[in-house]
Amino acid sequence: MIQLQQTRTDMRKSIITIVTIVFALLITNKTEAQQDPNFTLYNFNMNIINPAFAGIKDSPELNLVYRSQYLGIEDAPRTISMAYSKGIGKNLGIGISAINDRVFILDQTDIAVDISYKLKVAEGTNVYFGLKAGGGFTNIDLTRANALGNDLLFSQNQSFFNPHLGAGLNIENKHFYISVSTPNFLKGERYEKQGNTPVAAINNSHFYLGGGVHIGLTDDLILTPRFMMRTVEGAPTSYDAGASLNIQDNKYTVGVNARLEETTSLYGLIRVIKKLRLGFAYDISTADATIINDNGSLEFILKYQF
């Protein structure tokens, strides 16, 4: 009995130590204004931003997402992502993801491999730790910028490859979840002008903090209020708040999300067949000062569990 108590005490100390290290790495990581792609349906595709979600489901899962921003605007941002994950063994999960983001002269593709570890801390409550490793391929077609004169800055295209290393933490049970992550700790090259010469610019990581509470209204209705905070130094902190209603054990999901002083979004998902769910989101700009007149943004998701 004494040995069992000592084992539990040691386990708690180990958990506290690991959590402290992860939080320290995430919070002290400096970031800059260059931002990664934004998704409205990230809550249904979490391992894109948090590797701790890799393999968290009972069966393998494939998520495909397409997002088109500022409808009707030529060369507006367009993002495609793919994420696959599965559990391996009792407590491990693995995943692979790819994101392609295009806007005007910029074309970026990020590829990553995730691994997660599940630790049971109480009956029905698990802590998941995740690591993400990969890289990003960035191409900038400066010849499409239509620059006037003979500015050497726009005389040739630019290409970069940046390694990525990230981490995440997820705590959850049937009543709530808390997610903390950064997809990439490492600084990476982007683009800036130094005199008449194109040189590298720094692109640091993003920090995400979010969570939600599952409230059972009836046997067939579960309400989940959610929040998400994203910080990037040099740009305003982004705050999301919203809620979704799960109907008949994921047969239907409807929700609303508000990104403070940016957008309001409506979304829905439907289970087409037993293992396949399709979803969409529509964003409306709510910014006080809008520099473009657009028709909103659309996002689609396909979720398949094997």
Protein backbone atom coordinates (compact mmCIF):
# COMPACT_ATOMS: atom_id res chain seq x y z
CA MET A 1 0.00 0.00 0.00
CA ILE A 2 2.82 2.39 0.92
CA GLN A 3 4.64 1.51 -2.31
CA LEU A 4 1.48 2.21 -4.35
CA GLN A 5 1.05 5.62 -2.71
CA GLN A 6 4.71 6.41 -3.38
CA THR A 7 4.28 5.42 -7.05
CA ARG A 8 1.27 7.72 -7.37
CA THR A 9 3.17 10.56 -5.70
CA ASP A 10 6.12 10.11 -8.07
CA MET A 11 3.74 10.06 -11.04
CA ARG A 12 2.10 13.31 -9.94
CA LYS A 13 5.54 14.93 -9.56
CA SER A 14 6.51 13.75 -13.05
CA ILE A 15 3.30 15.15 -14.52
CA ILE A 16 3.81 18.51 -12.82
CA THR A 17 7.41 18.65 -14.08
CA ILE A 18 6.45 17.83 -17.69
CA VAL A 19 3.54 20.28 -17.69
CA THR A 20 5.78 23.02 -16.27
CA ILE A 21 8.42 22.44 -18.98
CA VAL A 22 5.85 22.48 -21.79
CA PHE A 23 4.17 25.66 -20.50
CA ALA A 24 7.54 27.37 -20.06
CA LEU A 25 8.58 26.52 -23.61
CA LEU A 26 5.28 27.73 -25.02
CA ILE A 27 4.88 30.93 -23.05
CA THR A 28 8.48 32.18 -23.28
CA ASN A 29 8.68 31.57 -27.02
CA LYS A 30 8.96 34.96 -28.80
CA THR A 31 6.77 35.58 -31.84
CA GLU A 32 6.44 38.11 -34.64
CA ALA A 33 3.81 39.61 -36.90
CA GLN A 34 3.94 37.14 -39.81
CA GLN A 35 0.89 34.93 -39.27
CA ASP A 36 0.03 31.34 -40.17
CA PRO A 37 -3.25 30.50 -41.92
CA ASN A 38 -6.43 30.95 -39.90
CA PHE A 39 -9.16 28.31 -39.82
CA THR A 40 -12.73 28.65 -38.57
CA LEU A 41 -13.27 24.89 -38.17
CA TYR A 42 -10.04 24.30 -36.23
CA ASN A 43 -12.00 22.74 -33.35
CA PHE A 44 -12.75 19.79 -35.63
CA ASN A 45 -9.16 19.52 -36.89
CA MET A 46 -7.11 20.32 -33.80
CA ASN A 47 -3.89 18.44 -34.51
CA ILE A 48 -3.12 21.03 -37.22
CA ILE A 49 -2.27 23.44 -34.39
CA ASN A 50 -1.70 20.98 -31.50
CA PRO A 51 0.22 17.71 -31.98
CA ALA A 52 -1.19 16.38 -28.69
CA PHE A 53 -4.43 15.63 -30.60
CA ALA A 54 -2.73 13.15 -32.92
CA GLY A 55 -4.36 9.73 -32.56
CA ILE A 56 -6.72 10.95 -29.84
CA LYS A 57 -9.76 9.29 -31.45
CA ASP A 58 -10.66 5.62 -31.02
CA SER A 59 -10.07 4.98 -34.74
CA PRO A 60 -7.85 6.52 -37.46
CA GLU A 61 -9.14 9.82 -38.81
CA LEU A 62 -8.59 11.79 -42.02
CA ASN A 63 -9.49 15.49 -42.26
CA LEU A 64 -9.48 17.50 -45.50
CA VAL A 65 -10.11 21.26 -45.38
CA TYR A 66 -10.50 23.90 -48.08
CA ARG A 67 -10.74 27.60 -47.21
CA SER A 68 -11.30 30.57 -49.51
CA GLN A 69 -11.07 34.06 -47.97
CA TYR A 70 -12.50 37.33 -49.28
CA LEU A 71 -14.80 35.84 -51.92
CA GLY A 72 -14.77 37.80 -55.15
CA ILE A 73 -11.29 39.27 -54.57
CA GLU A 74 -8.61 38.22 -57.05
CA ASP A 75 -5.52 36.53 -55.53
CA ALA A 76 -7.14 36.43 -52.08
CA PRO A 77 -5.90 33.81 -49.58
CA ARG A 78 -6.73 30.19 -50.39
CA THR A 79 -5.76 27.38 -48.01
CA ILE A 80 -5.90 23.58 -48.34
CA SER A 81 -4.98 21.20 -45.52
CA MET A 82 -4.80 17.46 -44.95
CA ALA A 83 -4.37 15.74 -41.59
CA TYR A 84 -4.29 12.01 -40.81
CA SER A 85 -3.78 10.51 -37.38
CA LYS A 86 -4.20 7.20 -35.59
CA GLY A 87 -3.45 5.57 -32.27
CA ILE A 88 -0.62 3.07 -32.06
CA GLY A 89 -0.39 0.81 -29.05
CA LYS A 90 -2.06 1.71 -25.78
CA ASN A 91 -0.92 5.29 -25.18
CA LEU A 92 0.76 6.54 -28.36
CA GLY A 93 -0.64 8.40 -31.34
CA ILE A 94 0.92 9.50 -34.62
CA GLY A 95 -0.15 11.90 -37.33
CA ILE A 96 0.89 13.58 -40.54
CA SER A 97 -0.35 16.89 -41.88
CA ALA A 98 0.18 19.17 -44.86
CA ILE A 99 -1.01 22.76 -45.37
CA ASN A 100 -0.77 24.75 -48.60
CA ASP A 101 -1.43 28.48 -48.31
CA ARG A 102 -1.56 30.80 -51.31
CA VAL A 103 -2.10 34.55 -51.43
CA PHE A 104 -1.08 36.76 -54.35
CA ILE A 105 2.67 36.16 -54.87
CA LEU A 106 3.15 33.89 -51.83
CA ASP A 107 2.86 30.08 -51.97
CA GLN A 108 3.73 28.16 -48.82
CA THR A 109 3.50 24.44 -48.03
CA ASP A 110 4.07 23.09 -44.52
CA ILE A 111 4.47 19.36 -43.85
CA ALA A 112 4.68 17.88 -40.35
CA VAL A 113 4.72 14.60 -38.45
CA ASP A 114 3.11 14.46 -34.99
CA ILE A 115 3.52 12.06 -32.10
CA SER A 116 1.48 12.10 -28.89
CA TYR A 117 1.53 10.31 -25.58
CA LYS A 118 -1.49 9.74 -23.34
CA LEU A 119 -1.18 9.74 -19.56
CA LYS A 120 -4.16 8.85 -17.39
CA VAL A 121 -4.23 11.13 -14.34
CA ALA A 122 -7.66 10.28 -12.93
CA GLU A 123 -10.66 8.14 -13.77
CA GLY A 124 -11.86 9.43 -17.15
CA THR A 125 -9.28 12.25 -17.31
CA ASN A 126 -6.24 12.08 -19.59
CA VAL A 127 -3.31 14.36 -20.30
CA TYR A 128 -1.88 14.22 -23.83
CA PHE A 129 1.62 15.47 -24.70
CA GLY A 130 2.56 16.05 -28.33
CA LEU A 131 5.57 16.91 -30.48
CA LYS A 132 5.48 18.19 -34.06
CA ALA A 133 8.41 18.08 -36.50
CA GLY A 134 8.60 19.00 -40.16
CA GLY A 135 9.31 21.90 -42.44
CA GLY A 136 7.89 24.64 -44.61
CA PHE A 137 8.57 25.38 -48.28
CA THR A 138 8.02 29.05 -49.15
CA ASN A 139 8.01 30.42 -52.69
CA ILE A 140 7.55 34.12 -53.49
CA ASP A 141 6.89 35.00 -57.14
CA LEU A 142 8.14 38.58 -57.13
CA THR A 143 7.83 38.88 -60.89
CA ARG A 144 4.03 38.96 -60.43
CA ALA A 145 4.22 42.03 -58.18
CA ASN A 146 4.05 44.38 -61.20
CA ALA A 147 6.72 46.66 -59.77
CA LEU A 148 7.60 49.76 -61.78
CA GLY A 149 11.14 50.59 -62.84
CA ASN A 150 14.20 48.38 -62.43
CA ASP A 151 13.96 47.63 -58.71
CA LEU A 152 16.28 44.66 -58.13
CA LEU A 153 14.06 43.58 -55.27
CA PHE A 154 11.50 42.34 -57.80
CA SER A 155 13.92 40.99 -60.39
CA GLN A 156 13.82 37.34 -59.29
CA ASN A 157 11.74 34.95 -57.25
CA GLN A 158 12.60 33.88 -53.72
CA SER A 159 12.42 30.41 -52.15
CA PHE A 160 13.05 29.25 -48.58
CA PHE A 161 12.90 26.05 -46.58
CA ASN A 162 12.39 26.32 -42.81
CA PRO A 163 12.52 23.41 -40.34
CA HIS A 164 9.67 23.23 -37.83
CA LEU A 165 9.56 21.89 -34.29
CA GLY A 166 6.52 22.34 -32.08
CA ALA A 167 4.81 20.96 -28.99
CA GLY A 168 1.41 20.82 -27.39
CA LEU A 169 -0.54 19.77 -24.33
CA ASN A 170 -4.17 18.68 -24.07
CA ILE A 171 -6.11 17.85 -20.91
CA GLU A 172 -9.57 16.39 -21.34
CA ASN A 173 -12.39 14.25 -20.06
CA LYS A 174 -16.05 13.94 -21.02
CA HIS A 175 -16.83 17.31 -19.38
CA PHE A 176 -14.07 19.66 -20.68
CA TYR A 177 -10.79 20.07 -22.52
CA ILE A 178 -7.86 22.52 -22.28
CA SER A 179 -5.39 22.92 -25.14
CA VAL A 180 -2.01 24.72 -25.14
CA SER A 181 0.33 24.61 -28.13
CA THR A 182 2.71 26.18 -30.58
CA PRO A 183 3.14 24.43 -33.94
CA ASN A 184 6.70 25.71 -34.34
CA PHE A 185 9.34 26.93 -31.88
CA LEU A 186 11.96 27.71 -34.48
CA LYS A 187 12.68 30.97 -36.25
CA GLY A 188 12.36 30.81 -40.03
CA GLU A 189 13.29 32.86 -43.07
CA ARG A 190 10.67 34.86 -44.92
CA TYR A 191 11.48 37.97 -46.93
CA GLU A 192 12.47 41.60 -46.54
CA LYS A 193 14.36 44.27 -48.44
CA GLN A 194 17.81 45.47 -47.35
CA GLY A 195 18.87 48.24 -49.69
CA ASN A 196 18.26 46.77 -53.15
CA THR A 197 18.86 43.18 -52.06
CA PRO A 198 16.22 40.64 -51.01
CA VAL A 199 17.21 39.02 -47.72
CA ALA A 200 15.59 36.79 -45.12
CA ALA A 201 12.99 38.01 -42.66
CA ILE A 202 12.14 36.28 -39.39
CA ASN A 203 8.96 34.29 -38.92
CA ASN A 204 8.52 32.98 -35.37
CA SER A 205 5.89 30.78 -33.80
CA HIS A 206 2.30 31.26 -32.74
CA PHE A 207 0.98 30.48 -29.27
CA TYR A 208 -2.49 28.95 -28.86
CA LEU A 209 -4.51 28.61 -25.66
CA GLY A 210 -8.04 27.26 -25.78
CA GLY A 211 -10.65 25.07 -24.20
CA GLY A 212 -14.27 24.09 -23.99
CA VAL A 213 -16.93 22.70 -21.66
CA HIS A 214 -19.39 19.97 -22.67
CA ILE A 215 -22.86 20.52 -21.19
CA GLY A 216 -25.44 17.76 -21.58
CA LEU A 217 -28.84 19.35 -22.19
CA THR A 218 -30.65 16.10 -23.02
CA ASP A 219 -29.59 12.61 -24.08
CA ASP A 220 -29.37 13.84 -27.69
CA LEU A 221 -28.14 17.42 -27.19
CA ILE A 222 -24.69 18.52 -25.98
CA LEU A 223 -23.79 22.22 -25.85
CA THR A 224 -20.10 23.12 -25.98
CA PRO A 225 -19.04 26.74 -25.30
CA ARG A 226 -15.45 27.27 -26.52
CA PHE A 227 -12.68 29.85 -26.56
CA MET A 228 -9.31 30.20 -28.27
CA MET A 229 -6.55 32.79 -27.91
CA ARG A 230 -3.77 33.16 -30.44
CA THR A 231 -0.79 35.49 -29.92
CA VAL A 232 1.74 36.74 -32.46
CA GLU A 233 4.11 39.52 -31.40
CA GLY A 234 3.72 42.58 -33.57
CA ALA A 235 0.08 41.79 -34.35
CA PRO A 236 -3.06 42.07 -32.22
CA THR A 237 -3.86 39.04 -30.07
CA SER A 238 -6.74 37.12 -31.59
CA TYR A 239 -9.63 35.97 -29.37
CA ASP A 240 -12.28 33.46 -30.43
CA ALA A 241 -15.46 32.71 -28.48
CA GLY A 242 -18.33 30.55 -29.59
CA ALA A 243 -20.45 27.49 -29.02
CA SER A 244 -21.61 24.41 -30.88
CA LEU A 245 -24.60 22.13 -30.43
CA ASN A 246 -24.01 18.42 -30.95
CA ILE A 247 -27.21 16.63 -31.98
CA GLN A 248 -27.81 12.87 -31.83
CA ASP A 249 -24.22 11.81 -31.11
CA ASN A 250 -22.51 13.81 -33.90
CA LYS A 251 -25.20 13.21 -36.52
CA TYR A 252 -25.60 16.99 -36.74
CA THR A 253 -23.50 19.84 -35.37
CA VAL A 254 -24.32 23.53 -35.64
CA GLY A 255 -22.37 26.41 -34.19
CA VAL A 256 -21.39 30.06 -34.11
CA ASN A 257 -17.98 31.65 -33.55
CA ALA A 258 -16.90 35.26 -33.04
CA ARG A 259 -13.33 36.43 -33.54
CA LEU A 260 -13.12 39.69 -31.61
CA GLU A 261 -13.14 42.71 -33.94
CA GLU A 262 -12.49 40.45 -36.95
CA THR A 263 -15.23 38.01 -38.01
CA THR A 264 -18.45 36.30 -37.04
CA SER A 265 -18.88 32.75 -38.32
CA LEU A 266 -21.70 30.26 -38.72
CA TYR A 267 -20.93 26.59 -39.29
CA GLY A 268 -22.48 23.17 -39.46
CA LEU A 269 -21.50 19.52 -39.87
CA ILE A 270 -23.61 16.53 -40.90
CA ARG A 271 -22.87 12.80 -40.76
CA VAL A 272 -23.52 11.63 -44.31
CA ILE A 273 -22.77 7.96 -43.63
CA LYS A 274 -21.58 6.16 -40.52
CA LYS A 275 -17.91 7.18 -40.83
CA LEU A 276 -18.11 10.31 -42.98
CA ARG A 277 -18.96 13.86 -41.86
CA LEU A 278 -19.09 16.96 -44.05
CA GLY A 279 -19.03 20.51 -42.77
CA PHE A 280 -18.91 24.13 -43.84
CA ALA A 281 -18.37 27.57 -42.32
CA TYR A 282 -19.18 31.07 -43.54
CA ASP A 283 -17.34 34.10 -42.14
CA ILE A 284 -18.56 37.69 -42.17
CA SER A 285 -16.12 40.52 -41.48
CA THR A 286 -16.94 42.63 -38.42
CA ALA A 287 -13.81 44.80 -38.40
CA ASP A 288 -14.43 48.52 -37.87
CA ALA A 289 -12.05 49.39 -40.70
CA THR A 290 -12.25 47.08 -43.70
CA ILE A 291 -9.79 47.86 -46.50
CA ILE A 292 -11.54 45.59 -49.00
CA ASN A 293 -15.15 45.02 -49.96
CA ASP A 294 -15.51 41.25 -49.94
CA ASN A 295 -18.35 38.73 -49.86
CA GLY A 296 -17.18 36.87 -46.78
CA SER A 297 -15.12 33.69 -46.56
CA LEU A 298 -16.02 30.02 -47.01
CA GLU A 299 -14.51 26.93 -45.46
CA PHE A 300 -15.30 23.24 -46.03
CA ILE A 301 -14.22 20.14 -44.12
CA LEU A 302 -14.42 16.41 -44.80
CA LYS A 303 -13.89 14.11 -41.81
CA TYR A 304 -13.55 10.36 -42.27
CA GLN A 305 -12.98 7.84 -39.48
CA PHE A 306 -11.71 4.46 -40.62
